Protein backbone atom coordinates (compact mmCIF):
# COMPACT_ATOMS: atom_id res chain seq x y z
CA MET A 1 26.77 47.42 -7.51
CA SER A 2 29.31 45.88 -5.31
CA ARG A 3 30.93 42.51 -5.12
CA GLN A 4 29.37 42.82 -1.50
CA SER A 5 26.04 43.79 -3.10
CA ASP A 6 25.86 41.47 -5.76
CA ALA A 7 27.23 38.59 -3.62
CA LYS A 8 24.17 39.25 -0.82
CA LYS A 9 21.51 39.47 -4.28
CA ALA A 10 22.55 36.10 -5.02
CA ARG A 11 22.57 34.71 -1.68
CA ARG A 12 18.71 36.19 -1.38
CA ASN A 13 17.69 34.86 -4.89
CA LYS A 14 19.22 31.22 -3.88
CA ARG A 15 17.08 31.64 -0.55
CA ARG A 16 13.90 32.64 -2.52
CA ALA A 17 14.62 29.71 -4.93
CA THR A 18 14.99 26.56 -2.08
CA ARG A 19 12.08 28.60 -0.08
CA ASP A 20 9.80 29.14 -3.50
CA SER A 21 10.48 25.39 -4.45
CA ARG A 22 9.28 23.90 -0.98
CA TRP A 23 5.99 26.01 -0.93
CA VAL A 24 3.05 24.31 -1.18
CA PRO A 25 -0.45 26.76 -1.86
CA ASP A 26 -3.01 25.96 1.33
CA GLY A 27 -5.60 24.58 -1.29
CA VAL A 28 -3.23 22.19 -2.36
CA LEU A 29 -1.69 21.06 1.08
CA ASP A 30 -5.08 21.17 2.37
CA ASP A 31 -6.67 18.61 0.21
CA LEU A 32 -3.54 16.41 0.25
CA VAL A 33 -3.94 16.05 3.91
CA THR A 34 -7.55 15.52 3.75
CA THR A 35 -7.08 12.28 1.10
CA GLN A 36 -3.95 11.04 3.53
CA ALA A 37 -6.64 11.16 5.98
CA ALA A 38 -9.23 9.28 4.38
CA ILE A 39 -6.47 6.78 2.78
CA ALA A 40 -5.96 6.25 6.89
CA THR A 41 -9.25 5.79 7.52
CA ASP A 42 -9.82 2.83 4.83
CA LEU A 43 -6.97 1.23 5.79
CA GLU A 44 -8.14 0.86 9.46
CA VAL A 45 -11.53 -0.49 8.00
CA PHE A 46 -10.01 -3.04 6.10
CA ASP A 47 -7.19 -4.01 8.47
CA GLN A 48 -10.52 -4.33 11.18
CA ARG A 49 -12.58 -6.58 8.59
CA ILE A 50 -9.67 -8.57 7.73
CA THR A 51 -8.13 -9.47 10.94
CA GLU A 52 -11.09 -10.03 12.47
CA ARG A 53 -11.22 -13.48 9.88
CA GLY A 54 -7.93 -14.64 10.96
CA TRP A 55 -6.05 -12.53 8.61
CA THR A 56 -2.48 -11.18 10.29
CA PHE A 57 -1.43 -7.64 9.19
CA ASP A 58 2.68 -8.63 8.36
CA GLU A 59 4.53 -5.69 10.37
CA ASP A 60 7.56 -7.14 9.09
CA GLU A 61 7.18 -6.57 5.60
CA SER A 62 4.70 -3.58 5.71
CA ASP A 63 5.81 -0.12 5.57
CA GLU A 64 4.85 3.49 4.76
CA ASP A 65 4.28 2.64 1.53
CA PHE A 66 2.72 -1.18 1.51
CA ALA A 67 0.98 -3.07 3.91
CA PHE A 68 0.27 -6.61 3.98
CA TRP A 69 -1.88 -9.25 5.37
CA PHE A 70 -1.30 -13.15 5.48
CA TYR A 71 -3.67 -16.45 5.54
CA GLU A 72 -1.92 -18.72 8.23
CA PRO A 73 -3.51 -21.59 7.70
CA SER A 74 -2.44 -21.29 3.99
CA ALA A 75 0.75 -21.88 4.67
CA ALA A 76 2.58 -24.17 1.92
CA ALA A 77 6.16 -25.80 2.10
CA VAL A 78 7.48 -24.11 -1.19
CA ASP A 79 10.60 -22.73 -2.56
CA GLU A 80 10.38 -18.61 -1.54
CA GLY A 81 12.30 -17.74 -4.51
CA GLU A 82 9.15 -16.95 -7.12
CA VAL A 83 6.13 -17.77 -5.37
CA ALA A 84 4.18 -16.70 -2.30
CA ARG A 85 4.61 -18.99 0.75
CA VAL A 86 1.56 -17.93 2.02
CA THR A 87 -1.83 -16.32 0.82
CA THR A 88 -1.22 -12.78 0.96
CA ILE A 89 -2.84 -9.38 0.58
CA TRP A 90 -1.04 -6.16 -0.18
CA MET A 91 -2.47 -2.66 -0.65
CA SER A 92 -0.23 0.35 -2.41
CA ALA A 93 -0.13 3.91 -0.87
CA ASP A 94 0.47 4.77 -4.79
CA GLU A 95 -2.65 3.76 -5.32
CA ASP A 96 -4.14 4.81 -2.28
CA ALA A 97 -5.64 1.88 -0.95
CA GLU A 98 -8.10 0.88 -3.65
CA ILE A 99 -6.83 -1.83 -4.35
CA ALA A 100 -6.11 -4.82 -2.66
CA HIS A 101 -3.59 -7.44 -4.47
CA LEU A 102 -4.38 -10.75 -3.72
CA MET A 103 -1.41 -13.65 -4.16
CA LEU A 104 -2.43 -16.88 -3.32
CA ALA A 105 0.20 -19.74 -1.67
CA GLY A 106 2.32 -21.44 -4.29
CA ALA A 107 1.42 -18.31 -6.75
CA GLY A 108 3.67 -16.50 -8.45
CA ASP A 109 0.95 -13.74 -10.08
CA ASP A 110 -1.39 -11.35 -8.06
CA VAL A 111 -5.25 -10.73 -8.82
CA PRO A 112 -6.02 -6.99 -7.95
CA PHE A 113 -9.58 -6.31 -6.64
CA GLU A 114 -11.37 -3.54 -5.19
CA PRO A 115 -11.43 -4.40 -1.52
CA ASP A 116 -15.25 -4.79 -1.43
CA ALA A 117 -15.06 -7.29 -4.14
CA LEU A 118 -12.27 -9.35 -2.80
CA PHE A 119 -14.59 -9.28 0.58
CA GLU A 120 -17.07 -11.23 -1.95
CA HIS A 121 -14.75 -13.64 -2.31
CA LEU A 122 -12.66 -14.21 1.03
CA ASP A 123 -14.20 -17.48 1.66
CA VAL A 124 -13.36 -19.59 -1.23
CA ILE A 125 -9.84 -17.37 -1.24
CA GLU A 126 -9.41 -18.50 2.46
CA ALA A 127 -10.52 -22.22 1.65
CA PHE A 128 -7.74 -22.70 -0.83
CA ARG A 129 -4.69 -24.53 -0.30
CA PHE A 130 -1.57 -25.20 -2.61
CA GLY A 131 -2.27 -27.78 -5.04
CA ASP A 132 -6.19 -27.08 -4.87
CA ALA A 133 -6.96 -25.28 -8.57
CA VAL A 134 -6.57 -21.82 -8.41
CA PRO A 135 -10.31 -20.07 -8.50
CA ASP A 136 -12.11 -18.34 -10.92
CA PHE A 137 -12.80 -14.84 -9.66
CA SER A 138 -14.62 -13.73 -12.34
């Protein structure tokens, strides 16, 4: 073979390898789209339920990986370094929005809940103020 033929063959193989690395089988792609749509629907329902109770969606902190809500009446005058200034709930795309993480005002650690379980404790969470005894969620 000539050098020109070898070069052409090498370019063709490189294009195929690049194309093949981006290819996703139809069934996998369909499942991915369906899963992403279900997560979006779950987040919309969660957002509607939580904002009806007076929580605010945090547009500044939320992005494609995390969604945050805060409860303004719980705001506390604390240093924002290691602890939350306001009671906050966040969900992660990595967890498919199946876990709602709660961080109480003045706390440094989060408490994970399944979304429905979080709503069972929401009255206690909303009543909590910095300096109160941390509620027992068990």
